[in-house]
Amino acid sequence: MHVSNFVTLISLPLVLASHLRVSIPSSQQLQHPNTLPASTHATLTTLSNTYSAPLRSDITFDFRNVTSGSYLLDVHCHTHAFAPLRVDVHEITPDGVGFDGQEVQVWGTFRGNEWSNKGEVVQAQNEDGIWSFDVRAQAGKDYFIERTGFSPLSLLKNPMILIAGVSMLIVFGMPYIMDNMDPDLKAEFEERQKVQPNPAANPLQNFDAAAWLAGSTSKESKRTDVPSNAERGITR
């Protein structure tokens, strides 16, 4: 009885903790990884576990005793942004074979998408029981916007400057155009100017605003017809 239970326990998959080592290689976005601040750290996050590792002097992150599961690897740094990775740690059977023959598998992942949406495969290598792979910097972080200097060409983008320029072109360019105009066309233009009637006078130019506000009437309204003697009934 005890022997059968012992054999059953041995036949069950053994959950072994894995040792992960994440390194930051030199790239165009980060030519000198050793200049990263000391506060830089990486986290492995899943629903039940969270592992954190500080940046070591050899520009690596060490995660020890990582149990099986699917993790999100994030590198937290206030000077550079790093691409997130999906890290799957599988259980190892007694014969040393894991999922597809590998204990650790790494892919690129995308924020805001489904977890099953995997990106490019990241090669993970096993060296003396330590699984190592790289995480690359995407870009540097800019917290300030550089103020642009003064440029004379920026004045041409101002609508007021454009309107003033067109007005000056009309004022100074129209006489030159009239002088170089064809004589027949110029004579026809002058005749049309003479034929056009004068604009009507403004009806409000004789309006007395002060008298209207004072409540007085105009002189024409004050005129009254004086009745004649015959209309008054006076006879001689």
Protein backbone atom coordinates (compact mmCIF):
# COMPACT_ATOMS: atom_id res chain seq x y z
CA MET A 1 0.00 0.00 0.00
CA HIS A 2 2.72 2.43 0.96
CA VAL A 3 4.81 1.40 -2.03
CA SER A 4 1.96 2.17 -4.48
CA ASN A 5 1.41 5.61 -2.95
CA PHE A 6 5.13 6.33 -3.21
CA VAL A 7 5.17 5.35 -6.88
CA THR A 8 2.13 7.54 -7.54
CA LEU A 9 3.81 10.56 -5.98
CA ILE A 10 6.94 10.03 -8.04
CA SER A 11 4.93 9.78 -11.25
CA LEU A 12 3.27 13.17 -10.67
CA PRO A 13 4.90 16.22 -12.36
CA LEU A 14 7.34 17.97 -10.13
CA VAL A 15 7.07 21.73 -9.88
CA LEU A 16 10.60 23.11 -9.85
CA ALA A 17 11.44 26.77 -9.38
CA SER A 18 13.31 28.35 -12.29
CA HIS A 19 16.15 30.83 -12.30
CA LEU A 20 15.78 33.65 -14.87
CA ARG A 21 18.40 36.20 -15.85
CA VAL A 22 17.35 39.14 -18.02
CA SER A 23 20.05 41.29 -19.62
CA ILE A 24 19.92 44.67 -21.38
CA PRO A 25 22.07 44.70 -24.53
CA SER A 26 23.48 47.80 -26.17
CA SER A 27 21.31 49.19 -28.97
CA GLN A 28 20.81 52.33 -31.02
CA GLN A 29 18.25 53.63 -28.53
CA LEU A 30 20.52 52.79 -25.56
CA GLN A 31 24.16 52.72 -26.54
CA HIS A 32 25.49 52.63 -22.97
CA PRO A 33 23.26 50.51 -20.70
CA ASN A 34 25.61 51.11 -17.78
CA THR A 35 24.33 54.71 -17.62
CA LEU A 36 20.87 53.59 -16.48
CA PRO A 37 19.88 54.94 -13.05
CA ALA A 38 20.22 52.72 -10.01
CA SER A 39 16.47 52.87 -9.41
CA THR A 40 15.84 50.78 -12.54
CA HIS A 41 14.16 47.47 -11.71
CA ALA A 42 12.18 44.73 -13.44
CA THR A 43 9.02 42.89 -12.40
CA LEU A 44 7.47 39.56 -13.33
CA THR A 45 3.71 39.76 -12.80
CA THR A 46 0.95 37.19 -12.95
CA LEU A 47 -2.43 36.86 -11.29
CA SER A 48 -1.08 35.16 -8.17
CA ASN A 49 2.62 36.06 -7.98
CA THR A 50 4.82 39.10 -8.46
CA TYR A 51 8.61 39.04 -8.55
CA SER A 52 10.86 42.08 -8.51
CA ALA A 53 14.58 42.34 -9.24
CA PRO A 54 16.87 45.38 -9.09
CA LEU A 55 19.40 46.28 -11.75
CA ARG A 56 22.74 44.62 -11.03
CA SER A 57 26.19 45.96 -11.79
CA ASP A 58 26.48 43.67 -14.83
CA ILE A 59 23.27 45.23 -16.32
CA THR A 60 21.11 42.17 -15.62
CA PHE A 61 18.05 41.29 -13.55
CA ASP A 62 18.04 38.05 -11.56
CA PHE A 63 14.76 36.28 -10.76
CA ARG A 64 15.22 33.27 -8.50
CA ASN A 65 12.72 30.60 -7.51
CA VAL A 66 10.18 31.51 -10.19
CA THR A 67 7.31 29.03 -10.17
CA SER A 68 5.43 27.87 -13.25
CA GLY A 69 3.03 30.31 -14.84
CA SER A 70 2.63 32.95 -17.53
CA TYR A 71 4.25 36.26 -16.54
CA LEU A 72 4.45 39.80 -17.86
CA LEU A 73 7.97 41.21 -17.74
CA ASP A 74 8.20 44.98 -17.28
CA VAL A 75 11.34 47.07 -16.90
CA HIS A 76 10.70 50.24 -14.91
CA CYS A 77 13.07 53.08 -15.71
CA HIS A 78 12.53 56.86 -15.67
CA THR A 79 14.97 57.52 -18.52
CA HIS A 80 14.07 54.83 -21.09
CA ALA A 81 11.05 52.78 -22.14
CA PHE A 82 11.43 49.03 -22.63
CA ALA A 83 9.33 46.60 -24.62
CA PRO A 84 7.14 44.33 -22.45
CA LEU A 85 7.66 40.57 -22.76
CA ARG A 86 5.55 37.53 -22.06
CA VAL A 87 7.49 34.88 -20.13
CA ASP A 88 6.01 31.38 -19.76
CA VAL A 89 7.60 29.09 -17.17
CA HIS A 90 6.48 25.47 -17.56
CA GLU A 91 6.54 22.54 -15.20
CA ILE A 92 9.32 20.00 -15.62
CA THR A 93 8.54 16.30 -15.57
CA PRO A 94 10.84 13.81 -13.83
CA ASP A 95 12.50 12.96 -17.14
CA GLY A 96 13.50 16.62 -17.58
CA VAL A 97 11.14 17.43 -20.43
CA GLY A 98 8.88 20.46 -20.24
CA PHE A 99 6.42 22.11 -22.59
CA ASP A 100 7.70 21.52 -26.15
CA GLY A 101 10.99 20.47 -24.62
CA GLN A 102 11.62 23.93 -23.09
CA GLU A 103 11.15 25.11 -19.55
CA VAL A 104 11.06 28.86 -20.36
CA GLN A 105 9.55 30.50 -23.45
CA VAL A 106 9.55 34.23 -24.16
CA TRP A 107 7.57 36.32 -26.67
CA GLY A 108 6.95 39.97 -27.29
CA THR A 109 3.54 41.20 -26.16
CA PHE A 110 1.32 44.21 -26.82
CA ARG A 111 -0.43 46.32 -24.21
CA GLY A 112 -4.19 46.55 -24.56
CA ASN A 113 -4.44 43.34 -26.61
CA GLU A 114 -5.47 39.84 -25.64
CA TRP A 115 -2.91 37.80 -23.74
CA SER A 116 -3.01 35.11 -26.42
CA ASN A 117 -1.82 37.63 -29.03
CA LYS A 118 1.89 36.85 -29.07
CA GLY A 119 4.57 38.82 -30.84
CA GLU A 120 8.05 37.94 -31.98
CA VAL A 121 9.78 35.03 -30.28
CA VAL A 122 12.68 35.96 -27.99
CA GLN A 123 15.33 33.28 -27.72
CA ALA A 124 15.94 32.02 -24.18
CA GLN A 125 19.10 29.99 -23.50
CA ASN A 126 19.79 27.63 -20.63
CA GLU A 127 23.30 27.96 -19.20
CA ASP A 128 24.03 25.87 -16.11
CA GLY A 129 20.39 25.89 -15.06
CA ILE A 130 19.97 29.66 -15.59
CA TRP A 131 17.59 30.78 -18.33
CA SER A 132 18.84 34.01 -19.88
CA PHE A 133 17.31 36.30 -22.52
CA ASP A 134 17.45 39.97 -23.55
CA VAL A 135 15.05 42.86 -23.18
CA ARG A 136 15.63 45.85 -25.44
CA ALA A 137 15.00 49.54 -24.95
CA GLN A 138 12.43 51.10 -27.26
CA ALA A 139 13.14 54.82 -26.83
CA GLY A 140 14.21 57.45 -24.36
CA LYS A 141 11.67 59.30 -22.24
CA ASP A 142 11.30 63.07 -22.64
CA TYR A 143 9.57 64.94 -19.84
CA PHE A 144 10.11 68.43 -21.25
CA ILE A 145 9.26 69.96 -24.62
CA GLU A 146 12.07 72.00 -26.10
CA ARG A 147 11.01 75.52 -26.96
CA THR A 148 11.57 76.35 -30.60
CA GLY A 149 13.61 79.44 -31.43
CA PHE A 150 12.51 82.46 -33.43
CA SER A 151 12.35 81.98 -37.18
CA PRO A 152 11.59 84.77 -39.70
CA LEU A 153 9.72 82.26 -41.83
CA SER A 154 7.19 81.80 -39.02
CA LEU A 155 5.95 85.35 -39.71
CA LEU A 156 4.62 84.20 -43.07
CA LYS A 157 2.27 81.83 -41.24
CA ASN A 158 0.59 84.74 -39.44
CA PRO A 159 -2.71 85.64 -41.20
CA MET A 160 -2.41 89.32 -40.22
CA ILE A 161 0.98 89.53 -41.91
CA LEU A 162 -0.45 87.89 -45.03
CA ILE A 163 -3.40 90.32 -45.16
CA ALA A 164 -1.09 93.31 -44.71
CA GLY A 165 1.21 92.02 -47.46
CA VAL A 166 -1.66 91.59 -49.91
CA SER A 167 -2.97 95.08 -49.10
CA MET A 168 0.44 96.65 -49.70
CA LEU A 169 0.73 94.74 -52.96
CA ILE A 170 -2.61 96.15 -54.13
CA VAL A 171 -1.81 99.73 -53.04
CA PHE A 172 1.64 99.89 -54.60
CA GLY A 173 1.05 97.51 -57.47
CA MET A 174 -2.26 98.85 -58.82
CA PRO A 175 -0.82 102.18 -60.14
CA TYR A 176 1.94 100.29 -61.90
CA ILE A 177 -0.64 97.98 -63.47
CA MET A 178 -2.76 100.95 -64.59
CA ASP A 179 0.24 102.64 -66.20
CA ASN A 180 1.16 99.53 -68.15
CA MET A 181 -2.42 98.77 -69.16
CA ASP A 182 -3.38 98.66 -72.83
CA PRO A 183 -4.58 102.14 -73.99
CA ASP A 184 -7.88 100.85 -75.39
CA LEU A 185 -8.59 98.85 -72.25
CA LYS A 186 -7.62 101.83 -70.10
CA ALA A 187 -9.98 104.16 -72.01
CA GLU A 188 -12.82 101.66 -71.71
CA PHE A 189 -12.19 101.36 -67.98
CA GLU A 190 -12.27 105.16 -67.53
CA GLU A 191 -15.54 105.45 -69.49
CA ARG A 192 -17.18 102.86 -67.29
CA GLN A 193 -16.07 104.80 -64.24
CA LYS A 194 -17.75 107.96 -65.61
CA VAL A 195 -20.98 106.19 -66.53
CA GLN A 196 -21.46 104.70 -63.07
CA PRO A 197 -23.83 106.90 -61.00
CA ASN A 198 -22.80 108.38 -57.72
CA PRO A 199 -23.73 106.30 -54.74
CA ALA A 200 -26.90 107.33 -52.97
CA ALA A 201 -26.54 109.63 -50.00
CA ASN A 202 -26.70 108.10 -46.61
CA PRO A 203 -30.20 108.71 -45.18
CA LEU A 204 -28.80 108.78 -41.67
CA GLN A 205 -26.37 111.61 -42.26
CA ASN A 206 -29.05 114.27 -41.46
CA PHE A 207 -30.42 112.39 -38.48
CA ASP A 208 -30.35 114.46 -35.27
CA ALA A 209 -29.71 111.96 -32.53
CA ALA A 210 -29.68 114.57 -29.74
CA ALA A 211 -33.10 115.90 -30.71
CA TRP A 212 -34.49 112.40 -30.98
CA LEU A 213 -33.23 111.50 -27.51
CA ALA A 214 -34.63 114.76 -26.10
CA GLY A 215 -38.06 113.92 -27.47
CA SER A 216 -38.32 116.99 -29.71
CA THR A 217 -39.63 116.84 -33.24
CA SER A 218 -38.04 118.16 -36.36
CA LYS A 219 -38.71 121.60 -37.79
CA GLU A 220 -40.94 120.24 -40.50
CA SER A 221 -43.15 118.50 -37.96
CA LYS A 222 -43.47 121.76 -35.99
CA ARG A 223 -45.00 123.56 -38.95
CA THR A 224 -48.77 123.97 -38.66
CA ASP A 225 -51.12 125.34 -41.22
CA VAL A 226 -52.55 128.66 -40.06
CA PRO A 227 -56.27 128.81 -40.98
CA SER A 228 -57.36 131.72 -43.09
CA ASN A 229 -59.92 134.33 -42.03
CA ALA A 230 -62.59 132.66 -44.11
CA GLU A 231 -62.01 129.39 -42.37
CA ARG A 232 -62.28 131.15 -39.00
CA GLY A 233 -65.70 132.43 -39.92
CA ILE A 234 -64.69 136.10 -39.86
CA THR A 235 -66.35 138.27 -42.44
CA ARG A 236 -66.03 141.91 -43.12
